[in-house]
């Protein structure tokens, strides 16, 4: 069985898939029709590639959270990571966080909104 629930995939500002839910319960031959650029290949990649499902989704979610905090008047957000959490570190850096302090136990990253160029 292949099951996708509430799948959304964005490339920059373009939303390719939005809240797609799909269940294929039985083996068989299926046909996926759509115009060029409709997201057919992207949907298929979600079904077969676990790494693809994660790429970009966490960054998009964090950007939405940060945008909401900025709207609420928050001026700075901090995150603390344990050493070796490279994936989260890359995500924070991609969303505008900068290393503020580091020691042997944790690293502190900060994101100041007044320096951000939000879409």
PDB file of N, CA and C in Angstrom:
ATOM      1  N   UNK A   1       0.835  -1.179   0.000  1.00  0.00           N
ATOM      2  CA  UNK A   1       0.000   0.000   0.000  1.00  0.00           C
ATOM      3  C   UNK A   1       0.883   1.247   0.000  1.00  0.00           C
ATOM      4  N   UNK A   2       0.489   2.235  -0.762  1.00  0.00           N
ATOM      5  CA  UNK A   2       1.151   3.537  -0.783  1.00  0.00           C
ATOM      6  C   UNK A   2       0.124   4.550  -0.300  1.00  0.00           C
ATOM      7  N   UNK A   3       0.533   5.357   0.686  1.00  0.00           N
ATOM      8  CA  UNK A   3      -0.391   6.334   1.236  1.00  0.00           C
ATOM      9  C   UNK A   3       0.311   7.663   1.446  1.00  0.00           C
ATOM     10  N   UNK A   4      -0.291   8.726   0.968  1.00  0.00           N
ATOM     11  CA  UNK A   4       0.189  10.083   1.186  1.00  0.00           C
ATOM     12  C   UNK A   4      -0.939  10.861   1.852  1.00  0.00           C
ATOM     13  N   UNK A   5      -0.586  11.663   2.862  1.00  0.00           N
ATOM     14  CA  UNK A   5      -1.593  12.455   3.549  1.00  0.00           C
ATOM     15  C   UNK A   5      -1.163  13.919   3.592  1.00  0.00           C
ATOM     16  N   UNK A   6      -2.022  14.783   3.093  1.00  0.00           N
ATOM     17  CA  UNK A   6      -1.820  16.231   3.156  1.00  0.00           C
ATOM     18  C   UNK A   6      -0.435  16.655   2.659  1.00  0.00           C
ATOM     19  N   UNK A   7      -0.020  16.153   1.514  1.00  0.00           N
ATOM     20  CA  UNK A   7       1.294  16.448   0.948  1.00  0.00           C
ATOM     21  C   UNK A   7       1.273  17.803   0.260  1.00  0.00           C
ATOM     22  N   UNK A   8       2.240  18.633   0.620  1.00  0.00           N
ATOM     23  CA  UNK A   8       2.424  19.920  -0.039  1.00  0.00           C
ATOM     24  C   UNK A   8       3.896  20.045  -0.399  1.00  0.00           C
ATOM     25  N   UNK A   9       4.179  20.509  -1.597  1.00  0.00           N
ATOM     26  CA  UNK A   9       5.568  20.707  -2.029  1.00  0.00           C
ATOM     27  C   UNK A   9       5.655  22.039  -2.733  1.00  0.00           C
ATOM     28  N   UNK A  10       6.607  22.861  -2.289  1.00  0.00           N
ATOM     29  CA  UNK A  10       6.832  24.169  -2.890  1.00  0.00           C
ATOM     30  C   UNK A  10       8.263  24.262  -3.393  1.00  0.00           C
ATOM     31  N   UNK A  11       8.428  24.934  -4.511  1.00  0.00           N
ATOM     32  CA  UNK A  11       9.742  25.276  -5.030  1.00  0.00           C
ATOM     33  C   UNK A  11       9.786  26.792  -5.071  1.00  0.00           C
ATOM     34  N   UNK A  12      10.472  27.384  -4.104  1.00  0.00           N
ATOM     35  CA  UNK A  12      10.469  28.837  -4.018  1.00  0.00           C
ATOM     36  C   UNK A  12       9.064  29.317  -3.728  1.00  0.00           C
ATOM     37  N   UNK A  13       8.520  30.158  -4.604  1.00  0.00           N
ATOM     38  CA  UNK A  13       7.154  30.673  -4.413  1.00  0.00           C
ATOM     39  C   UNK A  13       6.094  29.817  -5.098  1.00  0.00           C
ATOM     40  N   UNK A  14       6.520  28.875  -5.912  1.00  0.00           N
ATOM     41  CA  UNK A  14       5.569  28.055  -6.662  1.00  0.00           C
ATOM     42  C   UNK A  14       5.148  26.837  -5.844  1.00  0.00           C
ATOM     43  N   UNK A  15       3.846  26.701  -5.631  1.00  0.00           N
ATOM     44  CA  UNK A  15       3.314  25.522  -4.966  1.00  0.00           C
ATOM     45  C   UNK A  15       2.982  24.503  -6.035  1.00  0.00           C
ATOM     46  N   UNK A  16       3.709  23.384  -6.027  1.00  0.00           N
ATOM     47  CA  UNK A  16       3.523  22.357  -7.041  1.00  0.00           C
ATOM     48  C   UNK A  16       2.444  21.366  -6.606  1.00  0.00           C
ATOM     49  N   UNK A  17       2.455  20.990  -5.344  1.00  0.00           N
ATOM     50  CA  UNK A  17       1.430  20.116  -4.779  1.00  0.00           C
ATOM     51  C   UNK A  17       0.862  20.806  -3.552  1.00  0.00           C
ATOM     52  N   UNK A  18      -0.450  20.714  -3.369  1.00  0.00           N
ATOM     53  CA  UNK A  18      -1.069  21.370  -2.206  1.00  0.00           C
ATOM     54  C   UNK A  18      -2.111  20.437  -1.591  1.00  0.00           C
ATOM     55  N   UNK A  19      -1.814  19.981  -0.377  1.00  0.00           N
ATOM     56  CA  UNK A  19      -2.731  19.152   0.407  1.00  0.00           C
ATOM     57  C   UNK A  19      -3.243  17.928  -0.351  1.00  0.00           C
ATOM     58  N   UNK A  20      -2.324  17.189  -0.954  1.00  0.00           N
ATOM     59  CA  UNK A  20      -2.680  15.990  -1.710  1.00  0.00           C
ATOM     60  C   UNK A  20      -2.776  14.801  -0.755  1.00  0.00           C
ATOM     61  N   UNK A  21      -3.886  14.084  -0.821  1.00  0.00           N
ATOM     62  CA  UNK A  21      -4.060  12.847  -0.072  1.00  0.00           C
ATOM     63  C   UNK A  21      -4.350  11.759  -1.085  1.00  0.00           C
ATOM     64  N   UNK A  22      -3.622  10.638  -0.987  1.00  0.00           N
ATOM     65  CA  UNK A  22      -3.731   9.567  -1.973  1.00  0.00           C
ATOM     66  C   UNK A  22      -3.464   8.235  -1.294  1.00  0.00           C
ATOM     67  N   UNK A  23      -4.293   7.237  -1.607  1.00  0.00           N
ATOM     68  CA  UNK A  23      -4.065   5.879  -1.114  1.00  0.00           C
ATOM     69  C   UNK A  23      -4.197   4.920  -2.287  1.00  0.00           C
ATOM     70  N   UNK A  24      -3.152   4.130  -2.509  1.00  0.00           N
ATOM     71  CA  UNK A  24      -3.175   3.054  -3.508  1.00  0.00           C
ATOM     72  C   UNK A  24      -3.079   1.748  -2.722  1.00  0.00           C
ATOM     73  N   UNK A  25      -4.214   1.062  -2.579  1.00  0.00           N
ATOM     74  CA  UNK A  25      -4.258  -0.101  -1.696  1.00  0.00           C
ATOM     75  C   UNK A  25      -3.854  -1.395  -2.370  1.00  0.00           C
ATOM     76  N   UNK A  26      -4.151  -1.573  -3.623  1.00  0.00           N
ATOM     77  CA  UNK A  26      -3.884  -2.842  -4.272  1.00  0.00           C
ATOM     78  C   UNK A  26      -2.845  -2.678  -5.368  1.00  0.00           C
ATOM     79  N   UNK A  27      -2.024  -3.719  -5.579  1.00  0.00           N
ATOM     80  CA  UNK A  27      -1.109  -3.669  -6.720  1.00  0.00           C
ATOM     81  C   UNK A  27      -1.916  -3.557  -8.012  1.00  0.00           C
ATOM     82  N   UNK A  28      -1.407  -2.813  -8.945  1.00  0.00           N
ATOM     83  CA  UNK A  28      -2.118  -2.653 -10.200  1.00  0.00           C
ATOM     84  C   UNK A  28      -1.413  -1.668 -11.096  1.00  0.00           C
ATOM     85  N   UNK A  29      -2.047  -1.328 -12.170  1.00  0.00           N
ATOM     86  CA  UNK A  29      -1.539  -0.346 -13.108  1.00  0.00           C
ATOM     87  C   UNK A  29      -2.380   0.909 -12.925  1.00  0.00           C
ATOM     88  N   UNK A  30      -1.701   2.012 -12.641  1.00  0.00           N
ATOM     89  CA  UNK A  30      -2.381   3.272 -12.407  1.00  0.00           C
ATOM     90  C   UNK A  30      -1.922   4.288 -13.439  1.00  0.00           C
ATOM     91  N   UNK A  31      -2.773   5.245 -13.746  1.00  0.00           N
ATOM     92  CA  UNK A  31      -2.456   6.295 -14.702  1.00  0.00           C
ATOM     93  C   UNK A  31      -2.592   7.645 -14.004  1.00  0.00           C
ATOM     94  N   UNK A  32      -1.590   8.490 -14.157  1.00  0.00           N
ATOM     95  CA  UNK A  32      -1.601   9.825 -13.567  1.00  0.00           C
ATOM     96  C   UNK A  32      -1.540  10.827 -14.720  1.00  0.00           C
ATOM     97  N   UNK A  33      -2.612  11.562 -14.913  1.00  0.00           N
ATOM     98  CA  UNK A  33      -2.702  12.511 -16.019  1.00  0.00           C
ATOM     99  C   UNK A  33      -2.648  13.934 -15.510  1.00  0.00           C
ATOM    100  N   UNK A  34      -2.020  14.798 -16.292  1.00  0.00           N
ATOM    101  CA  UNK A  34      -1.970  16.215 -15.956  1.00  0.00           C
ATOM    102  C   UNK A  34      -1.132  16.955 -16.971  1.00  0.00           C
ATOM    103  N   UNK A  35      -1.341  18.257 -17.035  1.00  0.00           N
ATOM    104  CA  UNK A  35      -0.574  19.080 -17.980  1.00  0.00           C
ATOM    105  C   UNK A  35       0.884  19.165 -17.532  1.00  0.00           C
ATOM    106  N   UNK A  36       1.741  19.686 -18.400  1.00  0.00           N
ATOM    107  CA  UNK A  36       3.142  19.899 -18.047  1.00  0.00           C
ATOM    108  C   UNK A  36       3.234  20.825 -16.845  1.00  0.00           C
ATOM    109  N   UNK A  37       4.063  20.447 -15.879  1.00  0.00           N
ATOM    110  CA  UNK A  37       4.251  21.273 -14.701  1.00  0.00           C
ATOM    111  C   UNK A  37       3.177  21.128 -13.633  1.00  0.00           C
ATOM    112  N   UNK A  38       2.271  20.175 -13.808  1.00  0.00           N
ATOM    113  CA  UNK A  38       1.176  20.005 -12.842  1.00  0.00           C
ATOM    114  C   UNK A  38       1.626  19.313 -11.556  1.00  0.00           C
ATOM    115  N   UNK A  39       2.792  18.659 -11.572  1.00  0.00           N
ATOM    116  CA  UNK A  39       3.298  18.011 -10.363  1.00  0.00           C
ATOM    117  C   UNK A  39       3.253  16.494 -10.399  1.00  0.00           C
ATOM    118  N   UNK A  40       3.052  15.901 -11.592  1.00  0.00           N
ATOM    119  CA  UNK A  40       2.973  14.440 -11.696  1.00  0.00           C
ATOM    120  C   UNK A  40       4.263  13.766 -11.229  1.00  0.00           C
ATOM    121  N   UNK A  41       5.390  14.216 -11.706  1.00  0.00           N
ATOM    122  CA  UNK A  41       6.681  13.626 -11.326  1.00  0.00           C
ATOM    123  C   UNK A  41       6.967  13.873  -9.856  1.00  0.00           C
ATOM    124  N   UNK A  42       6.656  15.065  -9.369  1.00  0.00           N
ATOM    125  CA  UNK A  42       6.864  15.379  -7.963  1.00  0.00           C
ATOM    126  C   UNK A  42       6.040  14.444  -7.090  1.00  0.00           C
ATOM    127  N   UNK A  43       4.795  14.209  -7.449  1.00  0.00           N
ATOM    128  CA  UNK A  43       3.944  13.299  -6.689  1.00  0.00           C
ATOM    129  C   UNK A  43       4.521  11.883  -6.686  1.00  0.00           C
ATOM    130  N   UNK A  44       4.994  11.426  -7.826  1.00  0.00           N
ATOM    131  CA  UNK A  44       5.589  10.089  -7.895  1.00  0.00           C
ATOM    132  C   UNK A  44       6.842   9.996  -7.032  1.00  0.00           C
ATOM    133  N   UNK A  45       7.640  11.036  -7.013  1.00  0.00           N
ATOM    134  CA  UNK A  45       8.841  11.026  -6.172  1.00  0.00           C
ATOM    135  C   UNK A  45       8.479  10.939  -4.695  1.00  0.00           C
ATOM    136  N   UNK A  46       7.400  11.590  -4.288  1.00  0.00           N
ATOM    137  CA  UNK A  46       6.941  11.485  -2.909  1.00  0.00           C
ATOM    138  C   UNK A  46       6.612  10.040  -2.555  1.00  0.00           C
ATOM    139  N   UNK A  47       6.061   9.303  -3.510  1.00  0.00           N
ATOM    140  CA  UNK A  47       5.639   7.935  -3.232  1.00  0.00           C
ATOM    141  C   UNK A  47       6.812   6.976  -3.080  1.00  0.00           C
ATOM    142  N   UNK A  48       7.953   7.270  -3.711  1.00  0.00           N
ATOM    143  CA  UNK A  48       9.042   6.294  -3.721  1.00  0.00           C
ATOM    144  C   UNK A  48      10.320   6.749  -3.023  1.00  0.00           C
ATOM    145  N   UNK A  49      10.460   8.017  -2.706  1.00  0.00           N
ATOM    146  CA  UNK A  49      11.736   8.533  -2.207  1.00  0.00           C
ATOM    147  C   UNK A  49      11.544   9.250  -0.867  1.00  0.00           C
ATOM    148  N   UNK A  50      11.879   8.584   0.228  1.00  0.00           N
ATOM    149  CA  UNK A  50      11.697   9.155   1.567  1.00  0.00           C
ATOM    150  C   UNK A  50      12.512  10.434   1.742  1.00  0.00           C
ATOM    151  N   UNK A  51      13.721  10.488   1.195  1.00  0.00           N
ATOM    152  CA  UNK A  51      14.562  11.675   1.341  1.00  0.00           C
ATOM    153  C   UNK A  51      13.923  12.868   0.635  1.00  0.00           C
ATOM    154  N   UNK A  52      13.350  12.642  -0.533  1.00  0.00           N
ATOM    155  CA  UNK A  52      12.703  13.729  -1.285  1.00  0.00           C
ATOM    156  C   UNK A  52      11.539  14.312  -0.493  1.00  0.00           C
ATOM    157  N   UNK A  53      10.793  13.449   0.199  1.00  0.00           N
ATOM    158  CA  UNK A  53       9.642  13.926   0.971  1.00  0.00           C
ATOM    159  C   UNK A  53      10.059  14.947   2.010  1.00  0.00           C
ATOM    160  N   UNK A  54      11.264  14.817   2.559  1.00  0.00           N
ATOM    161  CA  UNK A  54      11.692  15.700   3.629  1.00  0.00           C
ATOM    162  C   UNK A  54      12.347  16.979   3.125  1.00  0.00           C
ATOM    163  N   UNK A  55      12.993  16.919   1.971  1.00  0.00           N
ATOM    164  CA  UNK A  55      13.714  18.083   1.479  1.00  0.00           C
ATOM    165  C   UNK A  55      12.758  19.241   1.226  1.00  0.00           C
ATOM    166  N   UNK A  56      13.050  20.369   1.843  1.00  0.00           N
ATOM    167  CA  UNK A  56      12.265  21.563   1.579  1.00  0.00           C
ATOM    168  C   UNK A  56      11.053  21.716   2.468  1.00  0.00           C
ATOM    169  N   UNK A  57      10.443  20.634   2.928  1.00  0.00           N
ATOM    170  CA  UNK A  57       9.241  20.767   3.736  1.00  0.00           C
ATOM    171  C   UNK A  57       9.540  21.383   5.090  1.00  0.00           C
ATOM    172  N   UNK A  58      10.617  20.947   5.726  1.00  0.00           N
ATOM    173  CA  UNK A  58      10.957  21.493   7.030  1.00  0.00           C
ATOM    174  C   UNK A  58      11.330  22.968   6.913  1.00  0.00           C
ATOM    175  N   UNK A  59      12.062  23.310   5.868  1.00  0.00           N
ATOM    176  CA  UNK A  59      12.448  24.708   5.671  1.00  0.00           C
ATOM    177  C   UNK A  59      11.220  25.577   5.450  1.00  0.00           C
ATOM    178  N   UNK A  60      10.283  25.104   4.647  1.00  0.00           N
ATOM    179  CA  UNK A  60       9.063  25.861   4.403  1.00  0.00           C
ATOM    180  C   UNK A  60       8.273  26.035   5.695  1.00  0.00           C
ATOM    181  N   UNK A  61       8.170  24.972   6.487  1.00  0.00           N
ATOM    182  CA  UNK A  61       7.447  25.055   7.762  1.00  0.00           C
ATOM    183  C   UNK A  61       8.108  26.063   8.690  1.00  0.00           C
ATOM    184  N   UNK A  62       9.445  26.024   8.791  1.00  0.00           N
ATOM    185  CA  UNK A  62      10.152  26.959   9.665  1.00  0.00           C
ATOM    186  C   UNK A  62       9.973  28.395   9.180  1.00  0.00           C
ATOM    187  N   UNK A  63      10.004  28.602   7.869  1.00  0.00           N
ATOM    188  CA  UNK A  63       9.792  29.952   7.337  1.00  0.00           C
ATOM    189  C   UNK A  63       8.412  30.474   7.717  1.00  0.00           C
ATOM    190  N   UNK A  64       7.386  29.628   7.645  1.00  0.00           N
ATOM    191  CA  UNK A  64       6.036  30.045   8.015  1.00  0.00           C
ATOM    192  C   UNK A  64       5.951  30.385   9.501  1.00  0.00           C
ATOM    193  N   UNK A  65       6.604  29.580  10.337  1.00  0.00           N
ATOM    194  CA  UNK A  65       6.616  29.841  11.772  1.00  0.00           C
ATOM    195  C   UNK A  65       7.302  31.169  12.056  1.00  0.00           C
ATOM    196  N   UNK A  66       8.455  31.387  11.449  1.00  0.00           N
ATOM    197  CA  UNK A  66       9.194  32.632  11.664  1.00  0.00           C
ATOM    198  C   UNK A  66       8.402  33.837  11.166  1.00  0.00           C
ATOM    199  N   UNK A  67       7.755  33.701  10.018  1.00  0.00           N
ATOM    200  CA  UNK A  67       6.954  34.796   9.478  1.00  0.00           C
ATOM    201  C   UNK A  67       5.821  35.141  10.450  1.00  0.00           C
ATOM    202  N   UNK A  68       5.181  34.112  11.021  1.00  0.00           N
ATOM    203  CA  UNK A  68       4.117  34.343  11.993  1.00  0.00           C
ATOM    204  C   UNK A  68       4.623  35.046  13.237  1.00  0.00           C
ATOM    205  N   UNK A  69       5.806  34.648  13.722  1.00  0.00           N
ATOM    206  CA  UNK A  69       6.377  35.303  14.897  1.00  0.00           C
ATOM    207  C   UNK A  69       6.701  36.767  14.606  1.00  0.00           C
ATOM    208  N   UNK A  70       7.212  37.031  13.398  1.00  0.00           N
ATOM    209  CA  UNK A  70       7.540  38.410  13.033  1.00  0.00           C
ATOM    210  C   UNK A  70       6.279  39.261  13.011  1.00  0.00           C
ATOM    211  N   UNK A  71       5.207  38.717  12.464  1.00  0.00           N
ATOM    212  CA  UNK A  71       3.942  39.447  12.405  1.00  0.00           C
ATOM    213  C   UNK A  71       3.456  39.769  13.815  1.00  0.00           C
ATOM    214  N   UNK A  72       3.710  38.867  14.759  1.00  0.00           N
ATOM    215  CA  UNK A  72       3.278  39.071  16.143  1.00  0.00           C
ATOM    216  C   UNK A  72       4.184  40.036  16.898  1.00  0.00           C
ATOM    217  N   UNK A  73       5.236  40.519  16.265  1.00  0.00           N
ATOM    218  CA  UNK A  73       6.085  41.519  16.889  1.00  0.00           C
ATOM    219  C   UNK A  73       7.352  40.982  17.536  1.00  0.00           C
ATOM    220  N   UNK A  74       7.626  39.696  17.384  1.00  0.00           N
ATOM    221  CA  UNK A  74       8.856  39.130  17.944  1.00  0.00           C
ATOM    222  C   UNK A  74      10.041  39.673  17.145  1.00  0.00           C
ATOM    223  N   UNK A  75      11.088  40.107  17.831  1.00  0.00           N
ATOM    224  CA  UNK A  75      12.241  40.712  17.155  1.00  0.00           C
ATOM    225  C   UNK A  75      13.372  39.726  16.900  1.00  0.00           C
ATOM    226  N   UNK A  76      13.478  38.689  17.730  1.00  0.00           N
ATOM    227  CA  UNK A  76      14.582  37.736  17.574  1.00  0.00           C
ATOM    228  C   UNK A  76      14.152  36.361  18.062  1.00  0.00           C
ATOM    229  N   UNK A  77      14.599  35.332  17.366  1.00  0.00           N
ATOM    230  CA  UNK A  77      14.344  33.954  17.754  1.00  0.00           C
ATOM    231  C   UNK A  77      15.698  33.271  17.932  1.00  0.00           C
ATOM    232  N   UNK A  78      15.814  32.458  18.981  1.00  0.00           N
ATOM    233  CA  UNK A  78      17.042  31.720  19.226  1.00  0.00           C
ATOM    234  C   UNK A  78      16.762  30.230  19.224  1.00  0.00           C
ATOM    235  N   UNK A  79      17.745  29.466  18.785  1.00  0.00           N
ATOM    236  CA  UNK A  79      17.656  28.005  18.795  1.00  0.00           C
ATOM    237  C   UNK A  79      18.962  27.454  19.353  1.00  0.00           C
ATOM    238  N   UNK A  80      18.866  26.425  20.166  1.00  0.00           N
ATOM    239  CA  UNK A  80      20.049  25.772  20.718  1.00  0.00           C
ATOM    240  C   UNK A  80      20.111  24.345  20.197  1.00  0.00           C
ATOM    241  N   UNK A  81      21.288  23.959  19.725  1.00  0.00           N
ATOM    242  CA  UNK A  81      21.485  22.623  19.168  1.00  0.00           C
ATOM    243  C   UNK A  81      22.599  21.898  19.896  1.00  0.00           C
ATOM    244  N   UNK A  82      22.453  20.583  19.973  1.00  0.00           N
ATOM    245  CA  UNK A  82      23.538  19.753  20.477  1.00  0.00           C
ATOM    246  C   UNK A  82      24.527  19.534  19.341  1.00  0.00           C
ATOM    247  N   UNK A  83      25.806  19.292  19.670  1.00  0.00           N
ATOM    248  CA  UNK A  83      26.806  19.050  18.622  1.00  0.00           C
ATOM    249  C   UNK A  83      26.407  17.864  17.741  1.00  0.00           C
ATOM    250  N   UNK A  84      26.666  17.984  16.460  1.00  0.00           N
ATOM    251  CA  UNK A  84      26.425  16.891  15.524  1.00  0.00           C
ATOM    252  C   UNK A  84      25.066  16.909  14.851  1.00  0.00           C
ATOM    253  N   UNK A  85      24.207  17.844  15.173  1.00  0.00           N
ATOM    254  CA  UNK A  85      22.887  17.924  14.552  1.00  0.00           C
ATOM    255  C   UNK A  85      23.007  18.744  13.267  1.00  0.00           C
ATOM    256  N   UNK A  86      23.683  18.180  12.273  1.00  0.00           N
ATOM    257  CA  UNK A  86      24.020  18.907  11.051  1.00  0.00           C
ATOM    258  C   UNK A  86      22.795  19.259  10.213  1.00  0.00           C
ATOM    259  N   UNK A  87      21.807  18.380  10.200  1.00  0.00           N
ATOM    260  CA  UNK A  87      20.619  18.636   9.380  1.00  0.00           C
ATOM    261  C   UNK A  87      19.857  19.861   9.903  1.00  0.00           C
ATOM    262  N   UNK A  88      19.655  19.915  11.224  1.00  0.00           N
ATOM    263  CA  UNK A  88      18.953  21.061  11.804  1.00  0.00           C
ATOM    264  C   UNK A  88      19.781  22.322  11.645  1.00  0.00           C
ATOM    265  N   UNK A  89      21.093  22.213  11.800  1.00  0.00           N
ATOM    266  CA  UNK A  89      21.964  23.368  11.627  1.00  0.00           C
ATOM    267  C   UNK A  89      21.827  23.925  10.207  1.00  0.00           C
ATOM    268  N   UNK A  90      21.833  23.061   9.210  1.00  0.00           N
ATOM    269  CA  UNK A  90      21.692  23.503   7.820  1.00  0.00           C
ATOM    270  C   UNK A  90      20.335  24.172   7.597  1.00  0.00           C
ATOM    271  N   UNK A  91      19.291  23.628   8.220  1.00  0.00           N
ATOM    272  CA  UNK A  91      17.961  24.210   8.108  1.00  0.00           C
ATOM    273  C   UNK A  91      17.924  25.610   8.705  1.00  0.00           C
ATOM    274  N   UNK A  92      18.510  25.775   9.902  1.00  0.00           N
ATOM    275  CA  UNK A  92      18.535  27.091  10.543  1.00  0.00           C
ATOM    276  C   UNK A  92      19.303  28.099   9.696  1.00  0.00           C
ATOM    277  N   UNK A  93      20.447  27.699   9.180  1.00  0.00           N
ATOM    278  CA  UNK A  93      21.250  28.601   8.351  1.00  0.00           C
ATOM    279  C   UNK A  93      20.504  28.994   7.084  1.00  0.00           C
ATOM    280  N   UNK A  94      19.789  28.047   6.484  1.00  0.00           N
ATOM    281  CA  UNK A  94      19.024  28.334   5.267  1.00  0.00           C
ATOM    282  C   UNK A  94      17.894  29.324   5.530  1.00  0.00           C
ATOM    283  N   UNK A  95      17.408  29.380   6.764  1.00  0.00           N
ATOM    284  CA  UNK A  95      16.309  30.283   7.118  1.00  0.00           C
ATOM    285  C   UNK A  95      16.785  31.587   7.740  1.00  0.00           C
ATOM    286  N   UNK A  96      18.073  31.875   7.659  1.00  0.00           N
ATOM    287  CA  UNK A  96      18.574  33.170   8.098  1.00  0.00           C
ATOM    288  C   UNK A  96      19.155  33.220   9.494  1.00  0.00           C
ATOM    289  N   UNK A  97      19.250  32.083  10.175  1.00  0.00           N
ATOM    290  CA  UNK A  97      19.869  32.071  11.502  1.00  0.00           C
ATOM    291  C   UNK A  97      21.387  32.178  11.356  1.00  0.00           C
ATOM    292  N   UNK A  98      22.018  32.753  12.362  1.00  0.00           N
ATOM    293  CA  UNK A  98      23.477  32.867  12.399  1.00  0.00           C
ATOM    294  C   UNK A  98      23.973  32.341  13.731  1.00  0.00           C
ATOM    295  N   UNK A  99      25.164  31.766  13.741  1.00  0.00           N
ATOM    296  CA  UNK A  99      25.760  31.255  14.970  1.00  0.00           C
ATOM    297  C   UNK A  99      26.053  32.419  15.898  1.00  0.00           C
ATOM    298  N   UNK A 100      25.502  32.369  17.112  1.00  0.00           N
ATOM    299  CA  UNK A 100      25.692  33.448  18.079  1.00  0.00           C
ATOM    300  C   UNK A 100      26.685  33.052  19.166  1.00  0.00           C
ATOM    301  N   UNK A 101      26.708  31.769  19.520  1.00  0.00           N
ATOM    302  CA  UNK A 101      27.571  31.310  20.606  1.00  0.00           C
ATOM    303  C   UNK A 101      27.733  29.800  20.496  1.00  0.00           C
ATOM    304  N   UNK A 102      28.922  29.314  20.827  1.00  0.00           N
ATOM    305  CA  UNK A 102      29.163  27.874  20.733  1.00  0.00           C
ATOM    306  C   UNK A 102      30.070  27.433  21.871  1.00  0.00           C
ATOM    307  N   UNK A 103      29.750  26.275  22.470  1.00  0.00           N
ATOM    308  CA  UNK A 103      30.641  25.662  23.442  1.00  0.00           C
ATOM    309  C   UNK A 103      30.633  24.151  23.199  1.00  0.00           C
ATOM    310  N   UNK A 104      31.198  23.384  24.082  1.00  0.00           N
ATOM    311  CA  UNK A 104      31.307  21.943  23.842  1.00  0.00           C
ATOM    312  C   UNK A 104      29.979  21.207  23.966  1.00  0.00           C
ATOM    313  N   UNK A 105      28.978  21.828  24.603  1.00  0.00           N
ATOM    314  CA  UNK A 105      27.705  21.148  24.827  1.00  0.00           C
ATOM    315  C   UNK A 105      26.594  21.587  23.888  1.00  0.00           C
ATOM    316  N   UNK A 106      26.572  22.857  23.518  1.00  0.00           N
ATOM    317  CA  UNK A 106      25.506  23.370  22.652  1.00  0.00           C
ATOM    318  C   UNK A 106      26.030  24.483  21.753  1.00  0.00           C
ATOM    319  N   UNK A 107      25.268  24.743  20.741  1.00  0.00           N
ATOM    320  CA  UNK A 107      25.508  25.906  19.878  1.00  0.00           C
ATOM    321  C   UNK A 107      24.222  26.717  19.863  1.00  0.00           C
ATOM    322  N   UNK A 108      24.345  28.031  19.981  1.00  0.00           N
ATOM    323  CA  UNK A 108      23.174  28.908  19.984  1.00  0.00           C
ATOM    324  C   UNK A 108      23.141  29.681  18.678  1.00  0.00           C
ATOM    325  N   UNK A 109      21.991  29.615  18.010  1.00  0.00           N
ATOM    326  CA  UNK A 109      21.785  30.333  16.759  1.00  0.00           C
ATOM    327  C   UNK A 109      20.699  31.383  16.972  1.00  0.00           C
ATOM    328  N   UNK A 110      20.830  32.516  16.316  1.00  0.00           N
ATOM    329  CA  UNK A 110      19.849  33.588  16.466  1.00  0.00           C
ATOM    330  C   UNK A 110      19.414  34.085  15.090  1.00  0.00           C
ATOM    331  N   UNK A 111      18.162  34.500  15.017  1.00  0.00           N
ATOM    332  CA  UNK A 111      17.603  35.088  13.806  1.00  0.00           C
ATOM    333  C   UNK A 111      16.939  36.398  14.206  1.00  0.00           C
ATOM    334  N   UNK A 112      17.480  37.515  13.713  1.00  0.00           N
ATOM    335  CA  UNK A 112      16.902  38.839  14.004  1.00  0.00           C
ATOM    336  C   UNK A 112      16.058  39.258  12.806  1.00  0.00           C
ATOM    337  N   UNK A 113      14.812  39.589  13.066  1.00  0.00           N
ATOM    338  CA  UNK A 113      13.876  39.856  11.978  1.00  0.00           C
ATOM    339  C   UNK A 113      14.138  41.143  11.228  1.00  0.00           C
ATOM    340  N   UNK A 114      14.676  42.156  11.897  1.00  0.00           N
ATOM    341  CA  UNK A 114      14.877  43.411  11.181  1.00  0.00           C
ATOM    342  C   UNK A 114      15.912  43.285  10.066  1.00  0.00           C
ATOM    343  N   UNK A 115      16.721  42.219  10.075  1.00  0.00           N
ATOM    344  CA  UNK A 115      17.704  42.035   9.002  1.00  0.00           C
ATOM    345  C   UNK A 115      17.212  41.046   7.955  1.00  0.00           C
ATOM    346  N   UNK A 116      16.029  40.473   8.144  1.00  0.00           N
ATOM    347  CA  UNK A 116      15.506  39.488   7.215  1.00  0.00           C
ATOM    348  C   UNK A 116      14.825  40.150   6.025  1.00  0.00           C
ATOM    349  N   UNK A 117      14.933  39.518   4.879  1.00  0.00           N
ATOM    350  CA  UNK A 117      14.232  39.961   3.682  1.00  0.00           C
ATOM    351  C   UNK A 117      13.133  38.941   3.392  1.00  0.00           C
ATOM    352  N   UNK A 118      12.006  39.064   4.093  1.00  0.00           N
ATOM    353  CA  UNK A 118      10.929  38.102   3.935  1.00  0.00           C
ATOM    354  C   UNK A 118      10.124  38.404   2.696  1.00  0.00           C
ATOM    355  N   UNK A 119       9.647  37.337   2.052  1.00  0.00           N
ATOM    356  CA  UNK A 119       8.814  37.478   0.859  1.00  0.00           C
ATOM    357  C   UNK A 119       7.453  37.999   1.230  1.00  0.00           C
TER     358      UNK A 119
END
